[in-house]
Amino acid sequence: MTVLDVSDLRVALKEGLSGFTRNAEVRHAVEQWVEEEYASLSVPSDVRYTRSIERGMATRQIFDAIAKYRPHLVVMGTSGLARRLPIGSKTAAVLRRSSVPVVVCRKL
């Protein structure tokens, strides 16, 4: 299993991350936040997984990851930063254009 986290400055700001002036500082802050989030998950020891943190256009990064990892299934959240609609624009784009099945989960 590969877990892909596509992050950008908006994600950092939404999560209250601040105090950076350079691109490398943003990346480090987001990576540290992702590490803390993953530390709260309990993954069975027999499940092998990798994590990849990417920056850039989310939809493009997701399709690049699909091409690279060749998954049998993509699982993603329903909404993005705005949360005004039942499904975010990135999720809708992946649902429309994905070459593999996509499961969409709402945040609990």
N, C-alpha and C. Protein backbone atom coordinates (compact mmCIF):
# COMPACT_ATOMS: atom_id res chain seq x y z
N MET A 1 0.85 -1.16 0.00
CA MET A 1 0.00 0.00 0.00
C MET A 1 0.90 1.23 0.00
N THR A 2 0.52 2.22 -0.81
CA THR A 2 1.23 3.49 -0.83
C THR A 2 0.27 4.59 -0.44
N VAL A 3 0.68 5.42 0.48
CA VAL A 3 -0.12 6.55 0.92
C VAL A 3 0.50 7.80 0.32
N LEU A 4 -0.27 8.52 -0.48
CA LEU A 4 0.19 9.74 -1.12
C LEU A 4 -0.47 10.93 -0.46
N ASP A 5 0.32 11.89 -0.05
CA ASP A 5 -0.20 13.13 0.52
C ASP A 5 0.28 14.26 -0.37
N VAL A 6 -0.67 14.90 -1.07
CA VAL A 6 -0.32 16.02 -1.94
C VAL A 6 -0.60 17.29 -1.16
N SER A 7 0.44 18.03 -0.86
CA SER A 7 0.32 19.20 0.00
C SER A 7 0.81 20.45 -0.71
N ASP A 8 0.24 21.57 -0.32
CA ASP A 8 0.72 22.85 -0.82
C ASP A 8 0.59 23.88 0.28
N LEU A 9 0.88 25.12 -0.03
CA LEU A 9 0.86 26.18 0.96
C LEU A 9 -0.51 26.33 1.61
N ARG A 10 -1.59 26.13 0.85
CA ARG A 10 -2.94 26.25 1.41
C ARG A 10 -3.17 25.22 2.51
N VAL A 11 -2.66 24.01 2.33
CA VAL A 11 -2.80 22.98 3.35
C VAL A 11 -2.05 23.40 4.62
N ALA A 12 -0.85 23.92 4.43
CA ALA A 12 -0.06 24.37 5.58
C ALA A 12 -0.79 25.46 6.35
N LEU A 13 -1.32 26.43 5.64
CA LEU A 13 -2.02 27.53 6.30
C LEU A 13 -3.30 27.05 6.98
N LYS A 14 -4.04 26.16 6.32
CA LYS A 14 -5.27 25.63 6.90
C LYS A 14 -5.00 24.90 8.21
N GLU A 15 -3.88 24.23 8.29
CA GLU A 15 -3.53 23.47 9.50
C GLU A 15 -2.85 24.34 10.55
N GLY A 16 -2.75 25.64 10.29
CA GLY A 16 -2.17 26.55 11.26
C GLY A 16 -0.65 26.57 11.27
N LEU A 17 -0.04 26.00 10.26
CA LEU A 17 1.41 26.00 10.18
C LEU A 17 1.85 27.38 9.69
N SER A 18 2.84 27.94 10.32
CA SER A 18 3.29 29.28 9.93
C SER A 18 4.74 29.48 10.34
N GLY A 19 5.25 30.67 10.06
CA GLY A 19 6.61 31.00 10.45
C GLY A 19 7.66 30.63 9.44
N PHE A 20 7.25 30.36 8.20
CA PHE A 20 8.23 30.02 7.19
C PHE A 20 8.33 31.12 6.14
N THR A 21 9.51 31.27 5.59
CA THR A 21 9.73 32.28 4.56
C THR A 21 10.25 31.68 3.27
N ARG A 22 10.73 30.45 3.32
CA ARG A 22 11.27 29.80 2.12
C ARG A 22 10.48 28.55 1.80
N ASN A 23 10.53 28.14 0.54
CA ASN A 23 9.83 26.96 0.07
C ASN A 23 10.24 25.72 0.87
N ALA A 24 11.53 25.59 1.16
CA ALA A 24 12.01 24.44 1.92
C ALA A 24 11.40 24.39 3.32
N GLU A 25 11.16 25.56 3.90
CA GLU A 25 10.54 25.61 5.24
C GLU A 25 9.09 25.17 5.18
N VAL A 26 8.38 25.54 4.12
CA VAL A 26 6.99 25.08 3.95
C VAL A 26 6.98 23.57 3.84
N ARG A 27 7.84 23.02 2.99
CA ARG A 27 7.88 21.56 2.79
C ARG A 27 8.19 20.86 4.11
N HIS A 28 9.17 21.37 4.86
CA HIS A 28 9.53 20.75 6.13
C HIS A 28 8.35 20.81 7.12
N ALA A 29 7.66 21.95 7.19
CA ALA A 29 6.53 22.08 8.11
C ALA A 29 5.41 21.11 7.74
N VAL A 30 5.12 20.98 6.45
CA VAL A 30 4.07 20.06 6.01
C VAL A 30 4.49 18.61 6.28
N GLU A 31 5.74 18.27 5.98
CA GLU A 31 6.21 16.90 6.23
C GLU A 31 6.13 16.55 7.72
N GLN A 32 6.50 17.48 8.57
CA GLN A 32 6.42 17.24 10.01
C GLN A 32 4.97 17.06 10.45
N TRP A 33 4.07 17.88 9.92
CA TRP A 33 2.65 17.75 10.25
C TRP A 33 2.12 16.40 9.79
N VAL A 34 2.49 15.97 8.58
CA VAL A 34 2.04 14.67 8.06
C VAL A 34 2.57 13.55 8.95
N GLU A 35 3.83 13.63 9.35
CA GLU A 35 4.40 12.62 10.25
C GLU A 35 3.59 12.51 11.54
N GLU A 36 3.21 13.65 12.11
CA GLU A 36 2.42 13.64 13.34
C GLU A 36 1.04 13.02 13.11
N GLU A 37 0.43 13.33 11.96
CA GLU A 37 -0.87 12.75 11.65
C GLU A 37 -0.78 11.23 11.49
N TYR A 38 0.25 10.75 10.78
CA TYR A 38 0.42 9.31 10.58
C TYR A 38 0.76 8.61 11.88
N ALA A 39 1.45 9.28 12.78
CA ALA A 39 1.80 8.66 14.07
C ALA A 39 0.55 8.32 14.87
N SER A 40 -0.55 9.01 14.61
CA SER A 40 -1.78 8.75 15.36
C SER A 40 -2.57 7.56 14.80
N LEU A 41 -2.16 7.04 13.64
CA LEU A 41 -2.84 5.90 13.04
C LEU A 41 -2.26 4.60 13.56
N SER A 42 -3.11 3.60 13.66
CA SER A 42 -2.60 2.30 14.04
C SER A 42 -2.68 1.39 12.82
N VAL A 43 -1.52 0.98 12.34
CA VAL A 43 -1.43 0.13 11.16
C VAL A 43 -0.93 -1.24 11.62
N PRO A 44 -1.65 -2.30 11.25
CA PRO A 44 -1.18 -3.64 11.64
C PRO A 44 0.25 -3.88 11.15
N SER A 45 1.02 -4.59 11.93
CA SER A 45 2.43 -4.80 11.62
C SER A 45 2.65 -5.60 10.34
N ASP A 46 1.66 -6.37 9.92
CA ASP A 46 1.83 -7.17 8.71
C ASP A 46 1.43 -6.42 7.43
N VAL A 47 1.01 -5.17 7.56
CA VAL A 47 0.67 -4.36 6.39
C VAL A 47 1.89 -3.55 5.99
N ARG A 48 2.39 -3.82 4.79
CA ARG A 48 3.53 -3.07 4.28
C ARG A 48 3.01 -1.83 3.56
N TYR A 49 3.62 -0.69 3.84
CA TYR A 49 3.19 0.52 3.18
C TYR A 49 4.35 1.49 3.04
N THR A 50 4.20 2.40 2.09
CA THR A 50 5.13 3.50 1.92
C THR A 50 4.32 4.78 1.89
N ARG A 51 4.99 5.88 2.23
CA ARG A 51 4.33 7.19 2.17
C ARG A 51 5.09 8.06 1.21
N SER A 52 4.37 8.88 0.50
CA SER A 52 4.99 9.82 -0.42
C SER A 52 4.31 11.17 -0.23
N ILE A 53 5.10 12.18 0.07
CA ILE A 53 4.57 13.54 0.21
C ILE A 53 5.00 14.32 -1.02
N GLU A 54 4.04 14.80 -1.78
CA GLU A 54 4.33 15.52 -3.01
C GLU A 54 3.72 16.91 -2.93
N ARG A 55 4.34 17.83 -3.66
CA ARG A 55 3.80 19.18 -3.76
C ARG A 55 3.49 19.44 -5.21
N GLY A 56 2.47 20.25 -5.44
CA GLY A 56 2.12 20.60 -6.80
C GLY A 56 0.63 20.51 -7.02
N MET A 57 0.26 20.43 -8.27
CA MET A 57 -1.15 20.32 -8.63
C MET A 57 -1.64 18.94 -8.18
N ALA A 58 -2.61 18.93 -7.29
CA ALA A 58 -3.03 17.68 -6.65
C ALA A 58 -3.47 16.62 -7.66
N THR A 59 -4.32 17.01 -8.59
CA THR A 59 -4.82 16.03 -9.55
C THR A 59 -3.68 15.43 -10.37
N ARG A 60 -2.77 16.27 -10.83
CA ARG A 60 -1.63 15.78 -11.61
C ARG A 60 -0.77 14.83 -10.77
N GLN A 61 -0.53 15.19 -9.50
CA GLN A 61 0.28 14.34 -8.63
C GLN A 61 -0.39 12.99 -8.40
N ILE A 62 -1.71 13.00 -8.27
CA ILE A 62 -2.44 11.74 -8.06
C ILE A 62 -2.32 10.86 -9.29
N PHE A 63 -2.51 11.44 -10.49
CA PHE A 63 -2.40 10.64 -11.71
C PHE A 63 -0.96 10.18 -11.95
N ASP A 64 0.01 10.99 -11.59
CA ASP A 64 1.41 10.56 -11.68
C ASP A 64 1.66 9.37 -10.75
N ALA A 65 1.08 9.42 -9.55
CA ALA A 65 1.24 8.31 -8.60
C ALA A 65 0.54 7.05 -9.10
N ILE A 66 -0.62 7.21 -9.74
CA ILE A 66 -1.30 6.05 -10.31
C ILE A 66 -0.42 5.41 -11.38
N ALA A 67 0.20 6.23 -12.22
CA ALA A 67 1.09 5.70 -13.26
C ALA A 67 2.32 5.03 -12.65
N LYS A 68 2.86 5.62 -11.60
CA LYS A 68 4.08 5.11 -10.98
C LYS A 68 3.84 3.82 -10.19
N TYR A 69 2.83 3.82 -9.34
CA TYR A 69 2.60 2.70 -8.42
C TYR A 69 1.65 1.64 -8.96
N ARG A 70 0.90 1.97 -10.00
CA ARG A 70 -0.04 1.04 -10.64
C ARG A 70 -0.95 0.35 -9.61
N PRO A 71 -1.70 1.13 -8.84
CA PRO A 71 -2.56 0.54 -7.80
C PRO A 71 -3.78 -0.16 -8.41
N HIS A 72 -4.35 -1.03 -7.62
CA HIS A 72 -5.60 -1.68 -8.01
C HIS A 72 -6.79 -0.82 -7.60
N LEU A 73 -6.55 0.12 -6.68
CA LEU A 73 -7.63 0.91 -6.11
C LEU A 73 -7.06 2.23 -5.58
N VAL A 74 -7.82 3.31 -5.72
CA VAL A 74 -7.46 4.61 -5.15
C VAL A 74 -8.52 4.95 -4.11
N VAL A 75 -8.09 5.36 -2.92
CA VAL A 75 -9.01 5.79 -1.87
C VAL A 75 -8.66 7.23 -1.55
N MET A 76 -9.68 8.10 -1.56
CA MET A 76 -9.42 9.50 -1.27
C MET A 76 -10.60 10.13 -0.55
N GLY A 77 -10.37 11.31 0.02
CA GLY A 77 -11.40 12.02 0.77
C GLY A 77 -12.40 12.70 -0.15
N THR A 78 -13.51 13.10 0.44
CA THR A 78 -14.59 13.71 -0.34
C THR A 78 -14.39 15.16 -0.63
N SER A 79 -13.77 15.89 0.29
CA SER A 79 -13.74 17.34 0.10
C SER A 79 -12.35 17.90 0.30
N GLY A 80 -12.14 19.03 -0.34
CA GLY A 80 -10.86 19.70 -0.22
C GLY A 80 -10.92 20.79 0.82
N LEU A 81 -10.21 21.86 0.56
CA LEU A 81 -10.10 22.94 1.54
C LEU A 81 -11.39 23.73 1.71
N ALA A 82 -12.14 23.93 0.63
CA ALA A 82 -13.32 24.79 0.70
C ALA A 82 -14.47 24.13 1.47
N ARG A 83 -14.69 22.86 1.24
CA ARG A 83 -15.76 22.10 1.91
C ARG A 83 -17.14 22.70 1.74
N ARG A 84 -17.36 23.38 0.62
CA ARG A 84 -18.68 23.95 0.35
C ARG A 84 -19.59 22.97 -0.36
N LEU A 85 -19.00 22.02 -1.06
CA LEU A 85 -19.78 21.06 -1.84
C LEU A 85 -19.57 19.67 -1.25
N PRO A 86 -20.49 18.76 -1.56
CA PRO A 86 -20.35 17.40 -1.00
C PRO A 86 -19.10 16.67 -1.49
N ILE A 87 -18.57 17.09 -2.64
CA ILE A 87 -17.37 16.45 -3.16
C ILE A 87 -16.46 17.53 -3.74
N GLY A 88 -15.19 17.46 -3.45
CA GLY A 88 -14.24 18.46 -3.91
C GLY A 88 -13.92 18.33 -5.39
N SER A 89 -13.38 19.38 -5.97
CA SER A 89 -13.09 19.39 -7.40
C SER A 89 -12.00 18.39 -7.77
N LYS A 90 -11.01 18.21 -6.92
CA LYS A 90 -9.94 17.25 -7.21
C LYS A 90 -10.48 15.82 -7.17
N THR A 91 -11.31 15.54 -6.18
CA THR A 91 -11.92 14.21 -6.09
C THR A 91 -12.79 13.95 -7.31
N ALA A 92 -13.58 14.94 -7.70
CA ALA A 92 -14.44 14.78 -8.88
C ALA A 92 -13.61 14.51 -10.13
N ALA A 93 -12.50 15.22 -10.28
CA ALA A 93 -11.64 15.02 -11.46
C ALA A 93 -11.04 13.62 -11.48
N VAL A 94 -10.60 13.14 -10.32
CA VAL A 94 -10.03 11.79 -10.26
C VAL A 94 -11.11 10.76 -10.54
N LEU A 95 -12.31 10.94 -10.00
CA LEU A 95 -13.41 10.02 -10.28
C LEU A 95 -13.72 9.94 -11.77
N ARG A 96 -13.70 11.09 -12.44
CA ARG A 96 -14.02 11.13 -13.87
C ARG A 96 -12.95 10.49 -14.74
N ARG A 97 -11.67 10.68 -14.38
CA ARG A 97 -10.60 10.33 -15.31
C ARG A 97 -9.73 9.15 -14.89
N SER A 98 -9.95 8.59 -13.72
CA SER A 98 -9.08 7.53 -13.24
C SER A 98 -9.23 6.25 -14.07
N SER A 99 -8.09 5.61 -14.30
CA SER A 99 -8.10 4.33 -15.01
C SER A 99 -8.31 3.14 -14.06
N VAL A 100 -8.34 3.43 -12.75
CA VAL A 100 -8.58 2.38 -11.75
C VAL A 100 -9.76 2.80 -10.88
N PRO A 101 -10.40 1.86 -10.21
CA PRO A 101 -11.52 2.21 -9.34
C PRO A 101 -11.11 3.19 -8.24
N VAL A 102 -12.03 4.08 -7.87
CA VAL A 102 -11.79 5.08 -6.84
C VAL A 102 -12.87 4.94 -5.77
N VAL A 103 -12.44 4.84 -4.52
CA VAL A 103 -13.35 4.81 -3.39
C VAL A 103 -13.22 6.16 -2.70
N VAL A 104 -14.34 6.79 -2.44
CA VAL A 104 -14.35 8.12 -1.81
C VAL A 104 -14.90 7.98 -0.40
N CYS A 105 -14.17 8.52 0.57
CA CYS A 105 -14.56 8.41 1.98
C CYS A 105 -14.69 9.80 2.58
N ARG A 106 -15.73 10.00 3.34
CA ARG A 106 -15.86 11.28 4.05
C ARG A 106 -15.10 11.20 5.35
N LYS A 107 -14.65 12.34 5.83
CA LYS A 107 -13.90 12.38 7.08
C LYS A 107 -14.84 12.08 8.24
N LEU A 108 -14.42 11.20 9.11
CA LEU A 108 -15.26 10.84 10.27
C LEU A 108 -14.97 11.73 11.44
